[in-house]
Protein backbone atom coordinates (compact mmCIF):
# COMPACT_ATOMS: atom_id res chain seq x y z
CA MET A 1 6.04 34.16 -34.57
CA LEU A 2 7.77 31.85 -37.01
CA GLY A 3 7.57 34.55 -39.68
CA GLY A 4 9.20 37.06 -37.34
CA ALA A 5 11.95 34.59 -36.49
CA LEU A 6 12.65 33.85 -40.15
CA ALA A 7 12.67 37.56 -40.95
CA GLY A 8 15.23 37.99 -38.17
CA VAL A 9 17.42 35.27 -39.65
CA GLY A 10 17.20 36.86 -43.09
CA ALA A 11 18.00 40.29 -41.71
CA ALA A 12 20.95 38.93 -39.74
CA ILE A 13 22.40 37.18 -42.78
CA HIS A 14 22.04 40.31 -44.88
CA ASP A 15 23.46 42.67 -42.27
CA LEU A 16 26.37 40.46 -41.30
CA LEU A 17 27.47 39.86 -44.87
CA ILE A 18 27.04 43.46 -46.02
CA TYR A 19 27.85 45.59 -42.96
CA TYR A 20 29.89 43.40 -40.59
CA PRO A 21 31.91 40.92 -42.68
CA ASP A 22 35.12 41.43 -40.70
CA THR A 23 33.71 40.65 -37.26
CA GLY A 24 34.19 37.36 -35.48
CA VAL A 25 31.87 34.40 -35.20
CA ASP A 26 30.95 35.36 -31.63
CA VAL A 27 29.60 38.71 -32.81
CA TRP A 28 27.71 36.95 -35.61
CA ALA A 29 26.08 34.56 -33.13
CA ILE A 30 25.06 37.27 -30.66
CA TYR A 31 23.77 39.51 -33.45
CA THR A 32 21.76 36.69 -35.03
CA ILE A 33 20.21 35.65 -31.71
CA ALA A 34 19.28 39.24 -30.87
CA THR A 35 17.79 39.82 -34.33
CA VAL A 36 15.72 36.63 -34.18
CA ILE A 37 14.41 37.47 -30.70
CA SER A 38 13.44 40.98 -31.78
CA GLY A 39 11.74 39.58 -34.90
CA VAL A 40 9.70 37.20 -32.77
CA LEU A 41 8.71 39.97 -30.36
CA ILE A 42 7.75 42.48 -33.03
CA GLY A 43 6.36 40.05 -35.60
CA GLY A 44 4.58 37.70 -33.24
CA ILE A 45 3.61 39.47 -30.06
CA GLY A 46 3.24 42.88 -31.72
CA ALA A 47 0.91 41.46 -34.37
CA TRP A 48 -1.14 39.70 -31.67
CA LEU A 49 -1.51 42.95 -29.71
CA ILE A 50 -2.63 44.80 -32.84
CA LEU A 51 -5.16 42.06 -33.59
CA LYS A 52 -6.61 42.28 -30.08
CA ALA A 53 -6.89 46.07 -30.36
CA LEU A 54 -8.70 45.78 -33.70
CA VAL A 55 -11.09 43.17 -32.31
CA ARG A 56 -12.01 45.53 -29.46
CA THR A 57 -12.93 48.25 -31.96
CA GLY A 58 -15.31 45.92 -33.80
CA VAL A 59 -13.83 46.36 -37.27
CA LEU A 60 -13.11 42.64 -37.49
CA ALA A 61 -16.69 41.56 -36.71
CA ASP A 62 -17.08 39.93 -40.14
CA PHE A 63 -13.99 37.77 -39.67
CA ALA A 64 -13.38 34.74 -37.44
CA ALA A 65 -11.08 36.67 -35.11
CA GLY A 66 -13.78 39.28 -34.57
CA ARG A 67 -16.52 36.74 -33.91
CA GLU A 68 -14.54 35.30 -31.01
CA GLN A 69 -15.08 38.55 -29.12
CA ARG A 70 -16.80 38.05 -25.76
CA GLU A 71 -19.53 40.21 -24.31
CA VAL A 72 -18.08 42.58 -21.71
């Protein structure tokens, strides 16, 4: 989740300086917060959901995440 948040900060800095340099500080703050939240959701929670789906298929059986699979 930290990686997603940092990617959101980097994306916000890039976008604000390149595409929205004339907007106010309030727009910058709202845009940065929204970008960080979306980075956390996609990078953190999305990656976790993908991991859980891969564990259910059994393709991660040789890795630690796959060995934690419970018998259903």
